[in-house]
Amino acid sequence: MDNEKVYRMEFAKVYPLLVNKAVKKGRTREEVDEVIRWLTGYSQEELAGMIQGTVSYGDFFRNAPELNENRKLIKGVVCGVRVENVEEPLMREIRYLDKLVDELAKGKTMDKILRRQIVLQRKVT
């Protein structure tokens, strides 16, 4: 699928797919929301508005209040592509979210998903 087509998709149509992926594996919508808020800086109220609105997936990331600086610690493969090697910056942000939801669905703890332990270790050393 070409990047522009992905960027034009409505966030409100993508969001249920992210939630369903996690819920099928025993996780919750609230955990998906937490991951999204951590990554983008949106409040829960802002996120709820995006879910009800018509904002594109691209604009959802372009207009994010504060992309988490620790998102660059996200590594791994999504759909056969290493997220850290995605050259297009906007697509990399989208892949970061895909990877976080994958980790959630695979049963990782929220501390590991949100890179809390890694950040704490770096501050200690």
N, C-alpha and C. Protein backbone atom coordinates (compact mmCIF):
# COMPACT_ATOMS: atom_id res chain seq x y z
N MET A 1 0.86 -1.17 0.00
CA MET A 1 0.00 0.00 0.00
C MET A 1 0.90 1.24 0.00
N ASP A 2 0.59 2.20 -0.84
CA ASP A 2 1.46 3.38 -0.90
C ASP A 2 1.20 4.29 0.30
N ASN A 3 2.24 5.02 0.69
CA ASN A 3 2.19 5.84 1.90
C ASN A 3 1.05 6.85 1.88
N GLU A 4 0.84 7.52 0.76
CA GLU A 4 -0.20 8.56 0.69
C GLU A 4 -1.58 7.99 0.98
N LYS A 5 -1.82 6.78 0.52
CA LYS A 5 -3.11 6.14 0.78
C LYS A 5 -3.29 5.90 2.29
N VAL A 6 -2.22 5.47 2.95
CA VAL A 6 -2.26 5.26 4.40
C VAL A 6 -2.50 6.58 5.11
N TYR A 7 -1.78 7.63 4.69
CA TYR A 7 -1.90 8.94 5.34
C TYR A 7 -3.31 9.51 5.23
N ARG A 8 -4.02 9.19 4.15
CA ARG A 8 -5.37 9.72 3.92
C ARG A 8 -6.46 8.93 4.66
N MET A 9 -6.15 7.74 5.14
CA MET A 9 -7.14 6.95 5.86
C MET A 9 -7.60 7.73 7.10
N GLU A 10 -8.85 7.58 7.47
CA GLU A 10 -9.35 8.26 8.66
C GLU A 10 -8.86 7.53 9.91
N PHE A 11 -8.36 8.30 10.86
CA PHE A 11 -7.92 7.70 12.13
C PHE A 11 -9.06 6.93 12.77
N ALA A 12 -10.28 7.46 12.67
CA ALA A 12 -11.44 6.81 13.28
C ALA A 12 -11.69 5.42 12.70
N LYS A 13 -11.20 5.14 11.51
CA LYS A 13 -11.36 3.81 10.91
C LYS A 13 -10.19 2.89 11.27
N VAL A 14 -9.03 3.47 11.53
CA VAL A 14 -7.85 2.69 11.91
C VAL A 14 -7.91 2.30 13.38
N TYR A 15 -8.37 3.21 14.21
CA TYR A 15 -8.40 3.00 15.65
C TYR A 15 -9.07 1.69 16.07
N PRO A 16 -10.27 1.36 15.56
CA PRO A 16 -10.89 0.09 15.97
C PRO A 16 -10.04 -1.13 15.59
N LEU A 17 -9.29 -1.04 14.51
CA LEU A 17 -8.42 -2.15 14.12
C LEU A 17 -7.31 -2.34 15.14
N LEU A 18 -6.75 -1.24 15.62
CA LEU A 18 -5.71 -1.32 16.64
C LEU A 18 -6.27 -1.91 17.93
N VAL A 19 -7.45 -1.44 18.32
CA VAL A 19 -8.08 -1.94 19.55
C VAL A 19 -8.41 -3.42 19.41
N ASN A 20 -9.00 -3.82 18.29
CA ASN A 20 -9.38 -5.22 18.11
C ASN A 20 -8.18 -6.14 18.17
N LYS A 21 -7.07 -5.73 17.60
CA LYS A 21 -5.86 -6.55 17.64
C LYS A 21 -5.44 -6.83 19.08
N ALA A 22 -5.50 -5.81 19.91
CA ALA A 22 -5.10 -5.97 21.31
C ALA A 22 -6.14 -6.74 22.11
N VAL A 23 -7.41 -6.42 21.91
CA VAL A 23 -8.49 -7.05 22.69
C VAL A 23 -8.56 -8.54 22.41
N LYS A 24 -8.33 -8.94 21.14
CA LYS A 24 -8.34 -10.38 20.80
C LYS A 24 -7.30 -11.16 21.59
N LYS A 25 -6.27 -10.47 22.05
CA LYS A 25 -5.19 -11.12 22.80
C LYS A 25 -5.30 -10.86 24.30
N GLY A 26 -6.48 -10.39 24.74
CA GLY A 26 -6.72 -10.23 26.17
C GLY A 26 -6.31 -8.89 26.76
N ARG A 27 -5.99 -7.92 25.93
CA ARG A 27 -5.65 -6.60 26.43
C ARG A 27 -6.88 -5.71 26.34
N THR A 28 -6.77 -4.46 26.76
CA THR A 28 -7.94 -3.59 26.82
C THR A 28 -7.81 -2.36 25.92
N ARG A 29 -8.96 -1.77 25.65
CA ARG A 29 -8.98 -0.52 24.90
C ARG A 29 -8.22 0.56 25.68
N GLU A 30 -8.36 0.56 26.99
CA GLU A 30 -7.68 1.54 27.83
C GLU A 30 -6.16 1.44 27.67
N GLU A 31 -5.65 0.21 27.53
CA GLU A 31 -4.21 0.04 27.33
C GLU A 31 -3.78 0.57 25.96
N VAL A 32 -4.61 0.34 24.95
CA VAL A 32 -4.31 0.89 23.62
C VAL A 32 -4.29 2.41 23.69
N ASP A 33 -5.27 2.98 24.38
CA ASP A 33 -5.32 4.43 24.53
C ASP A 33 -4.08 4.95 25.25
N GLU A 34 -3.64 4.25 26.27
CA GLU A 34 -2.45 4.67 27.01
C GLU A 34 -1.22 4.68 26.10
N VAL A 35 -1.09 3.64 25.28
CA VAL A 35 0.03 3.56 24.34
C VAL A 35 -0.03 4.73 23.35
N ILE A 36 -1.21 5.01 22.84
CA ILE A 36 -1.37 6.11 21.87
C ILE A 36 -1.04 7.45 22.53
N ARG A 37 -1.54 7.65 23.74
CA ARG A 37 -1.27 8.91 24.45
C ARG A 37 0.23 9.06 24.74
N TRP A 38 0.88 7.97 25.15
CA TRP A 38 2.31 7.99 25.42
C TRP A 38 3.09 8.39 24.16
N LEU A 39 2.72 7.82 23.04
CA LEU A 39 3.43 8.07 21.79
C LEU A 39 3.20 9.48 21.27
N THR A 40 1.97 9.98 21.35
CA THR A 40 1.60 11.21 20.65
C THR A 40 1.46 12.45 21.53
N GLY A 41 1.22 12.26 22.81
CA GLY A 41 1.01 13.41 23.69
C GLY A 41 -0.43 13.90 23.74
N TYR A 42 -1.33 13.24 23.02
CA TYR A 42 -2.75 13.62 23.11
C TYR A 42 -3.29 13.28 24.49
N SER A 43 -4.21 14.09 24.99
CA SER A 43 -4.94 13.74 26.21
C SER A 43 -6.03 12.73 25.84
N GLN A 44 -6.64 12.13 26.85
CA GLN A 44 -7.72 11.19 26.59
C GLN A 44 -8.89 11.90 25.90
N GLU A 45 -9.16 13.13 26.30
CA GLU A 45 -10.25 13.90 25.69
C GLU A 45 -9.95 14.20 24.22
N GLU A 46 -8.70 14.59 23.94
CA GLU A 46 -8.32 14.86 22.55
C GLU A 46 -8.40 13.60 21.71
N LEU A 47 -7.95 12.49 22.29
CA LEU A 47 -8.00 11.21 21.59
C LEU A 47 -9.45 10.83 21.28
N ALA A 48 -10.33 11.00 22.25
CA ALA A 48 -11.75 10.70 22.04
C ALA A 48 -12.32 11.54 20.90
N GLY A 49 -11.91 12.78 20.83
CA GLY A 49 -12.37 13.64 19.74
C GLY A 49 -11.88 13.15 18.39
N MET A 50 -10.65 12.67 18.34
CA MET A 50 -10.09 12.15 17.09
C MET A 50 -10.83 10.89 16.65
N ILE A 51 -11.20 10.07 17.62
CA ILE A 51 -11.91 8.82 17.32
C ILE A 51 -13.30 9.13 16.75
N GLN A 52 -13.91 10.21 17.21
CA GLN A 52 -15.25 10.60 16.73
C GLN A 52 -15.19 11.47 15.48
N GLY A 53 -14.02 12.01 15.17
CA GLY A 53 -13.90 12.96 14.08
C GLY A 53 -13.51 12.33 12.75
N THR A 54 -13.05 13.19 11.86
CA THR A 54 -12.70 12.74 10.51
C THR A 54 -11.23 13.03 10.17
N VAL A 55 -10.40 13.21 11.18
CA VAL A 55 -8.99 13.51 10.93
C VAL A 55 -8.31 12.33 10.22
N SER A 56 -7.43 12.66 9.30
CA SER A 56 -6.71 11.59 8.59
C SER A 56 -5.63 11.01 9.51
N TYR A 57 -5.20 9.81 9.19
CA TYR A 57 -4.15 9.15 9.98
C TYR A 57 -2.87 9.97 9.92
N GLY A 58 -2.56 10.51 8.75
CA GLY A 58 -1.38 11.35 8.61
C GLY A 58 -1.47 12.58 9.48
N ASP A 59 -2.61 13.27 9.45
CA ASP A 59 -2.78 14.48 10.25
C ASP A 59 -2.81 14.16 11.74
N PHE A 60 -3.29 12.99 12.11
CA PHE A 60 -3.28 12.57 13.50
C PHE A 60 -1.85 12.65 14.04
N PHE A 61 -0.89 12.17 13.27
CA PHE A 61 0.51 12.22 13.69
C PHE A 61 1.14 13.59 13.44
N ARG A 62 0.82 14.21 12.33
CA ARG A 62 1.39 15.54 12.03
C ARG A 62 1.02 16.56 13.11
N ASN A 63 -0.19 16.44 13.66
CA ASN A 63 -0.69 17.41 14.64
C ASN A 63 -0.55 16.94 16.08
N ALA A 64 0.16 15.85 16.29
CA ALA A 64 0.34 15.33 17.66
C ALA A 64 0.97 16.40 18.53
N PRO A 65 0.43 16.60 19.73
CA PRO A 65 0.93 17.66 20.60
C PRO A 65 2.42 17.50 20.96
N GLU A 66 2.84 16.28 21.25
CA GLU A 66 4.22 16.08 21.67
C GLU A 66 4.61 14.62 21.47
N LEU A 67 5.25 14.34 20.35
CA LEU A 67 5.71 12.97 20.12
C LEU A 67 6.76 12.63 21.17
N ASN A 68 6.59 11.48 21.79
CA ASN A 68 7.47 11.08 22.89
C ASN A 68 8.89 10.87 22.39
N GLU A 69 9.83 11.53 23.04
CA GLU A 69 11.23 11.42 22.60
C GLU A 69 11.76 9.98 22.73
N ASN A 70 11.17 9.21 23.62
CA ASN A 70 11.62 7.82 23.81
C ASN A 70 11.09 6.87 22.75
N ARG A 71 10.28 7.38 21.83
CA ARG A 71 9.77 6.52 20.76
C ARG A 71 10.91 5.98 19.90
N LYS A 72 12.02 6.68 19.90
CA LYS A 72 13.17 6.25 19.10
C LYS A 72 13.82 4.99 19.67
N LEU A 73 13.40 4.60 20.87
CA LEU A 73 13.88 3.35 21.47
C LEU A 73 13.10 2.15 20.94
N ILE A 74 12.03 2.40 20.20
CA ILE A 74 11.20 1.32 19.66
C ILE A 74 11.96 0.68 18.50
N LYS A 75 12.18 -0.61 18.62
CA LYS A 75 12.91 -1.36 17.60
C LYS A 75 12.11 -2.63 17.29
N GLY A 76 12.33 -3.17 16.12
CA GLY A 76 11.71 -4.42 15.78
C GLY A 76 11.04 -4.40 14.42
N VAL A 77 10.38 -5.51 14.13
CA VAL A 77 9.80 -5.72 12.81
C VAL A 77 8.28 -5.66 12.88
N VAL A 78 7.70 -4.91 11.93
CA VAL A 78 6.25 -4.85 11.75
C VAL A 78 6.01 -5.06 10.26
N CYS A 79 5.17 -6.02 9.94
CA CYS A 79 4.85 -6.31 8.54
C CYS A 79 6.12 -6.55 7.72
N GLY A 80 7.09 -7.20 8.32
CA GLY A 80 8.33 -7.53 7.62
C GLY A 80 9.30 -6.37 7.44
N VAL A 81 9.03 -5.24 8.09
CA VAL A 81 9.89 -4.06 7.95
C VAL A 81 10.39 -3.65 9.33
N ARG A 82 11.68 -3.38 9.45
CA ARG A 82 12.25 -2.87 10.71
C ARG A 82 11.81 -1.43 10.89
N VAL A 83 11.10 -1.15 11.99
CA VAL A 83 10.57 0.20 12.21
C VAL A 83 11.67 1.24 12.28
N GLU A 84 12.79 0.90 12.87
CA GLU A 84 13.86 1.87 13.01
C GLU A 84 14.54 2.21 11.68
N ASN A 85 14.27 1.42 10.65
CA ASN A 85 14.87 1.65 9.33
C ASN A 85 13.90 2.30 8.34
N VAL A 86 12.68 2.60 8.76
CA VAL A 86 11.71 3.24 7.87
C VAL A 86 12.21 4.67 7.62
N GLU A 87 12.45 4.99 6.36
CA GLU A 87 13.05 6.28 6.03
C GLU A 87 12.07 7.45 6.07
N GLU A 88 10.86 7.24 5.62
CA GLU A 88 9.84 8.31 5.60
C GLU A 88 9.42 8.60 7.04
N PRO A 89 9.69 9.82 7.56
CA PRO A 89 9.41 10.12 8.97
C PRO A 89 7.97 9.88 9.41
N LEU A 90 7.00 10.28 8.60
CA LEU A 90 5.60 10.09 8.99
C LEU A 90 5.24 8.60 9.04
N MET A 91 5.71 7.83 8.08
CA MET A 91 5.44 6.40 8.09
C MET A 91 6.13 5.73 9.27
N ARG A 92 7.30 6.22 9.66
CA ARG A 92 8.00 5.67 10.82
C ARG A 92 7.14 5.86 12.07
N GLU A 93 6.50 7.04 12.21
CA GLU A 93 5.64 7.28 13.38
C GLU A 93 4.47 6.30 13.39
N ILE A 94 3.89 6.06 12.24
CA ILE A 94 2.79 5.11 12.13
C ILE A 94 3.27 3.71 12.49
N ARG A 95 4.43 3.33 12.02
CA ARG A 95 4.99 2.00 12.32
C ARG A 95 5.34 1.87 13.80
N TYR A 96 5.76 2.97 14.43
CA TYR A 96 6.00 2.93 15.88
C TYR A 96 4.71 2.51 16.59
N LEU A 97 3.59 3.12 16.22
CA LEU A 97 2.32 2.76 16.86
C LEU A 97 1.97 1.31 16.57
N ASP A 98 2.15 0.87 15.33
CA ASP A 98 1.89 -0.54 14.99
C ASP A 98 2.71 -1.46 15.89
N LYS A 99 3.97 -1.13 16.08
CA LYS A 99 4.86 -1.97 16.88
C LYS A 99 4.42 -1.99 18.34
N LEU A 100 4.03 -0.84 18.86
CA LEU A 100 3.56 -0.79 20.26
C LEU A 100 2.32 -1.64 20.46
N VAL A 101 1.39 -1.58 19.53
CA VAL A 101 0.17 -2.40 19.64
C VAL A 101 0.52 -3.88 19.47
N ASP A 102 1.47 -4.21 18.60
CA ASP A 102 1.94 -5.59 18.48
C ASP A 102 2.49 -6.09 19.82
N GLU A 103 3.31 -5.27 20.45
CA GLU A 103 3.89 -5.66 21.74
C GLU A 103 2.81 -5.86 22.79
N LEU A 104 1.82 -4.99 22.78
CA LEU A 104 0.69 -5.11 23.69
C LEU A 104 -0.01 -6.44 23.46
N ALA A 105 -0.30 -6.75 22.20
CA ALA A 105 -0.99 -7.99 21.86
C ALA A 105 -0.17 -9.23 22.20
N LYS A 106 1.13 -9.08 22.20
CA LYS A 106 2.00 -10.22 22.52
C LYS A 106 2.19 -10.42 24.03
N GLY A 107 1.54 -9.56 24.83
CA GLY A 107 1.55 -9.76 26.27
C GLY A 107 2.66 -9.06 27.03
N LYS A 108 3.41 -8.19 26.39
CA LYS A 108 4.46 -7.46 27.11
C LYS A 108 3.83 -6.57 28.17
N THR A 109 4.59 -6.30 29.21
CA THR A 109 4.10 -5.40 30.27
C THR A 109 4.11 -3.97 29.76
N MET A 110 3.27 -3.14 30.35
CA MET A 110 3.21 -1.74 29.94
C MET A 110 4.54 -1.04 30.19
N ASP A 111 5.25 -1.39 31.27
CA ASP A 111 6.56 -0.78 31.51
C ASP A 111 7.52 -1.04 30.35
N LYS A 112 7.52 -2.26 29.86
CA LYS A 112 8.41 -2.57 28.73
C LYS A 112 7.93 -1.90 27.46
N ILE A 113 6.63 -1.91 27.22
CA ILE A 113 6.09 -1.30 26.00
C ILE A 113 6.41 0.19 25.97
N LEU A 114 6.27 0.85 27.10
CA LEU A 114 6.49 2.29 27.16
C LEU A 114 7.95 2.64 27.47
N ARG A 115 8.80 1.65 27.38
CA ARG A 115 10.25 1.84 27.50
C ARG A 115 10.64 2.48 28.83
N ARG A 116 9.85 2.23 29.87
CA ARG A 116 10.13 2.84 31.18
C ARG A 116 11.41 2.29 31.79
N GLN A 117 11.62 0.98 31.71
CA GLN A 117 12.81 0.39 32.32
C GLN A 117 14.08 0.85 31.62
N ILE A 118 14.04 0.94 30.31
CA ILE A 118 15.21 1.37 29.55
C ILE A 118 15.57 2.79 29.91
N VAL A 119 14.58 3.67 30.00
CA VAL A 119 14.83 5.06 30.32
C VAL A 119 15.39 5.19 31.73
N LEU A 120 14.81 4.45 32.68
CA LEU A 120 15.31 4.49 34.05
C LEU A 120 16.76 4.00 34.13
N GLN A 121 17.08 2.94 33.40
CA GLN A 121 18.45 2.42 33.40
C GLN A 121 19.42 3.45 32.85
N ARG A 122 19.02 4.16 31.82
CA ARG A 122 19.90 5.18 31.22
C ARG A 122 20.13 6.33 32.18
N LYS A 123 19.13 6.68 32.97
CA LYS A 123 19.28 7.79 33.93
C LYS A 123 20.18 7.39 35.09
N VAL A 124 20.17 6.12 35.48
CA VAL A 124 20.97 5.64 36.59
C VAL A 124 22.45 5.58 36.22
N THR A 125 22.74 5.16 34.99
CA THR A 125 24.15 4.99 34.59
C THR A 125 24.79 6.25 34.14
